[in-house]
N, C-alpha and C. Protein backbone atom coordinates (compact mmCIF):
# COMPACT_ATOMS: atom_id res chain seq x y z
N MET A 1 1.45 -4.67 4.96
CA MET A 1 2.68 -4.00 4.63
C MET A 1 2.75 -3.81 3.12
N GLN A 2 3.46 -2.77 2.71
CA GLN A 2 3.57 -2.47 1.28
C GLN A 2 5.02 -2.43 0.86
N PHE A 3 5.25 -2.89 -0.36
CA PHE A 3 6.59 -2.89 -0.93
C PHE A 3 6.56 -2.24 -2.30
N ASN A 4 7.59 -1.49 -2.62
CA ASN A 4 7.78 -0.95 -3.95
C ASN A 4 8.62 -1.97 -4.72
N VAL A 5 8.10 -2.39 -5.88
CA VAL A 5 8.80 -3.38 -6.72
C VAL A 5 8.93 -2.76 -8.12
N PRO A 6 9.99 -1.98 -8.35
CA PRO A 6 10.09 -1.21 -9.59
C PRO A 6 10.11 -2.05 -10.87
N ASP A 7 10.59 -3.28 -10.82
CA ASP A 7 10.70 -4.09 -12.03
C ASP A 7 9.44 -4.91 -12.34
N MET A 8 8.41 -4.80 -11.51
CA MET A 8 7.17 -5.52 -11.73
C MET A 8 6.38 -4.81 -12.83
N SER A 9 6.17 -5.50 -13.97
CA SER A 9 5.57 -4.80 -15.10
C SER A 9 4.45 -5.56 -15.82
N CYS A 10 4.17 -6.81 -15.41
CA CYS A 10 3.15 -7.56 -16.14
C CYS A 10 2.50 -8.61 -15.23
N GLY A 11 1.53 -9.30 -15.79
CA GLY A 11 0.83 -10.34 -15.04
C GLY A 11 1.73 -11.48 -14.62
N HIS A 12 2.73 -11.79 -15.44
CA HIS A 12 3.68 -12.84 -15.06
C HIS A 12 4.44 -12.43 -13.82
N CYS A 13 4.83 -11.16 -13.76
CA CYS A 13 5.56 -10.65 -12.59
C CYS A 13 4.71 -10.80 -11.32
N THR A 14 3.46 -10.37 -11.40
CA THR A 14 2.60 -10.43 -10.22
C THR A 14 2.35 -11.87 -9.80
N ALA A 15 2.19 -12.77 -10.77
CA ALA A 15 1.97 -14.18 -10.45
C ALA A 15 3.19 -14.79 -9.77
N ALA A 16 4.38 -14.44 -10.24
CA ALA A 16 5.61 -14.97 -9.65
C ALA A 16 5.77 -14.48 -8.22
N ILE A 17 5.49 -13.20 -7.99
CA ILE A 17 5.60 -12.63 -6.64
C ILE A 17 4.58 -13.28 -5.71
N GLU A 18 3.34 -13.37 -6.17
CA GLU A 18 2.29 -13.97 -5.33
C GLU A 18 2.63 -15.43 -5.01
N LYS A 19 3.09 -16.19 -5.98
CA LYS A 19 3.45 -17.59 -5.76
C LYS A 19 4.57 -17.72 -4.73
N SER A 20 5.57 -16.86 -4.83
CA SER A 20 6.70 -16.93 -3.91
C SER A 20 6.29 -16.57 -2.48
N VAL A 21 5.49 -15.52 -2.34
CA VAL A 21 5.03 -15.11 -1.00
C VAL A 21 4.14 -16.20 -0.40
N LYS A 22 3.24 -16.75 -1.21
CA LYS A 22 2.33 -17.78 -0.70
C LYS A 22 3.06 -19.10 -0.40
N ALA A 23 4.20 -19.32 -1.03
CA ALA A 23 5.00 -20.50 -0.69
C ALA A 23 5.55 -20.36 0.73
N ALA A 24 5.88 -19.13 1.13
CA ALA A 24 6.40 -18.88 2.46
C ALA A 24 5.27 -18.78 3.49
N ASP A 25 4.12 -18.24 3.08
CA ASP A 25 2.95 -18.11 3.96
C ASP A 25 1.69 -18.36 3.13
N PRO A 26 1.20 -19.61 3.15
CA PRO A 26 0.02 -19.94 2.33
C PRO A 26 -1.21 -19.10 2.63
N GLY A 27 -1.29 -18.53 3.81
CA GLY A 27 -2.45 -17.72 4.16
C GLY A 27 -2.30 -16.25 3.85
N ALA A 28 -1.22 -15.87 3.22
CA ALA A 28 -0.97 -14.46 2.92
C ALA A 28 -1.97 -13.93 1.91
N ASP A 29 -2.32 -12.66 2.07
CA ASP A 29 -3.17 -11.95 1.11
C ASP A 29 -2.25 -11.01 0.33
N VAL A 30 -2.14 -11.23 -0.98
CA VAL A 30 -1.21 -10.47 -1.81
C VAL A 30 -1.99 -9.70 -2.86
N ALA A 31 -1.76 -8.39 -2.94
CA ALA A 31 -2.40 -7.55 -3.96
C ALA A 31 -1.32 -6.74 -4.66
N CYS A 32 -1.23 -6.91 -5.98
CA CYS A 32 -0.21 -6.21 -6.76
C CYS A 32 -0.87 -5.12 -7.61
N ASP A 33 -0.26 -3.95 -7.64
CA ASP A 33 -0.73 -2.83 -8.45
C ASP A 33 0.36 -2.49 -9.46
N LEU A 34 0.13 -2.87 -10.71
CA LEU A 34 1.15 -2.64 -11.75
C LEU A 34 1.36 -1.16 -12.04
N ASP A 35 0.31 -0.34 -11.90
CA ASP A 35 0.43 1.09 -12.20
C ASP A 35 1.40 1.80 -11.25
N THR A 36 1.37 1.41 -9.98
CA THR A 36 2.23 2.08 -8.99
C THR A 36 3.44 1.24 -8.61
N HIS A 37 3.51 0.01 -9.13
CA HIS A 37 4.60 -0.94 -8.81
C HIS A 37 4.65 -1.24 -7.31
N ARG A 38 3.46 -1.29 -6.71
CA ARG A 38 3.35 -1.58 -5.28
C ARG A 38 2.73 -2.95 -5.07
N VAL A 39 3.22 -3.63 -4.04
CA VAL A 39 2.65 -4.91 -3.63
C VAL A 39 2.21 -4.74 -2.18
N SER A 40 0.93 -4.98 -1.92
CA SER A 40 0.38 -4.93 -0.56
C SER A 40 0.21 -6.36 -0.08
N ILE A 41 0.73 -6.62 1.10
CA ILE A 41 0.72 -7.99 1.62
C ILE A 41 0.26 -8.01 3.07
N ASP A 42 -0.70 -8.88 3.35
CA ASP A 42 -1.15 -9.13 4.72
C ASP A 42 -0.67 -10.54 5.04
N SER A 43 0.29 -10.64 5.95
CA SER A 43 0.93 -11.92 6.22
C SER A 43 1.40 -11.99 7.67
N VAL A 44 1.56 -13.22 8.16
CA VAL A 44 2.13 -13.42 9.49
C VAL A 44 3.65 -13.30 9.46
N LEU A 45 4.22 -13.26 8.26
CA LEU A 45 5.68 -13.16 8.12
C LEU A 45 6.18 -11.77 8.51
N ALA A 46 7.43 -11.70 8.93
CA ALA A 46 8.07 -10.42 9.18
C ALA A 46 8.37 -9.75 7.84
N PRO A 47 8.44 -8.42 7.82
CA PRO A 47 8.73 -7.72 6.56
C PRO A 47 10.00 -8.23 5.86
N GLU A 48 11.01 -8.59 6.64
CA GLU A 48 12.24 -9.09 6.04
C GLU A 48 12.00 -10.41 5.32
N GLN A 49 11.12 -11.25 5.87
CA GLN A 49 10.80 -12.53 5.24
C GLN A 49 10.01 -12.34 3.95
N VAL A 50 9.09 -11.37 3.96
CA VAL A 50 8.32 -11.08 2.76
C VAL A 50 9.23 -10.52 1.68
N SER A 51 10.11 -9.60 2.07
CA SER A 51 11.07 -9.04 1.11
C SER A 51 11.94 -10.14 0.51
N ALA A 52 12.37 -11.09 1.33
CA ALA A 52 13.18 -12.20 0.84
C ALA A 52 12.39 -13.06 -0.15
N ALA A 53 11.10 -13.27 0.13
CA ALA A 53 10.27 -14.05 -0.79
C ALA A 53 10.12 -13.35 -2.13
N ILE A 54 9.95 -12.03 -2.10
CA ILE A 54 9.85 -11.27 -3.36
C ILE A 54 11.17 -11.36 -4.12
N LYS A 55 12.28 -11.26 -3.39
CA LYS A 55 13.59 -11.37 -4.04
C LYS A 55 13.81 -12.77 -4.59
N ASP A 56 13.28 -13.79 -3.92
CA ASP A 56 13.37 -15.16 -4.43
C ASP A 56 12.63 -15.30 -5.76
N ALA A 57 11.61 -14.47 -5.95
CA ALA A 57 10.86 -14.49 -7.22
C ALA A 57 11.62 -13.75 -8.32
N GLY A 58 12.71 -13.07 -7.94
CA GLY A 58 13.54 -12.39 -8.93
C GLY A 58 13.36 -10.89 -9.01
N TYR A 59 12.79 -10.29 -7.97
CA TYR A 59 12.50 -8.86 -7.99
C TYR A 59 13.07 -8.17 -6.76
N ASP A 60 13.63 -6.98 -6.97
CA ASP A 60 14.06 -6.16 -5.82
C ASP A 60 12.82 -5.54 -5.22
N ALA A 61 12.81 -5.42 -3.90
CA ALA A 61 11.66 -4.85 -3.20
C ALA A 61 12.13 -4.00 -2.05
N GLN A 62 11.51 -2.83 -1.92
CA GLN A 62 11.78 -1.96 -0.78
C GLN A 62 10.47 -1.75 -0.03
N GLN A 63 10.49 -1.97 1.28
CA GLN A 63 9.28 -1.76 2.07
C GLN A 63 9.01 -0.27 2.15
N VAL A 64 7.74 0.11 1.90
CA VAL A 64 7.35 1.51 1.97
C VAL A 64 6.42 1.80 3.14
N SER A 65 5.77 0.77 3.67
CA SER A 65 4.95 0.97 4.87
C SER A 65 4.67 -0.38 5.53
N ALA A 66 4.39 -0.31 6.82
CA ALA A 66 4.15 -1.54 7.58
C ALA A 66 2.71 -1.97 7.45
């Protein structure tokens, strides 16, 4: 699934998002693209749970694809 994270702008941002998602699902595969502000996540979590984890890291996220 992919999320648009408009406020993600640096390595600290990507690390915070990855840490938060992996806290919820340690087996998740998280790939952040700073150029497009997209986060691609392969996880057993539901999209709502992943979005909540990104928000817990301090970033708004909108799902753009499953």
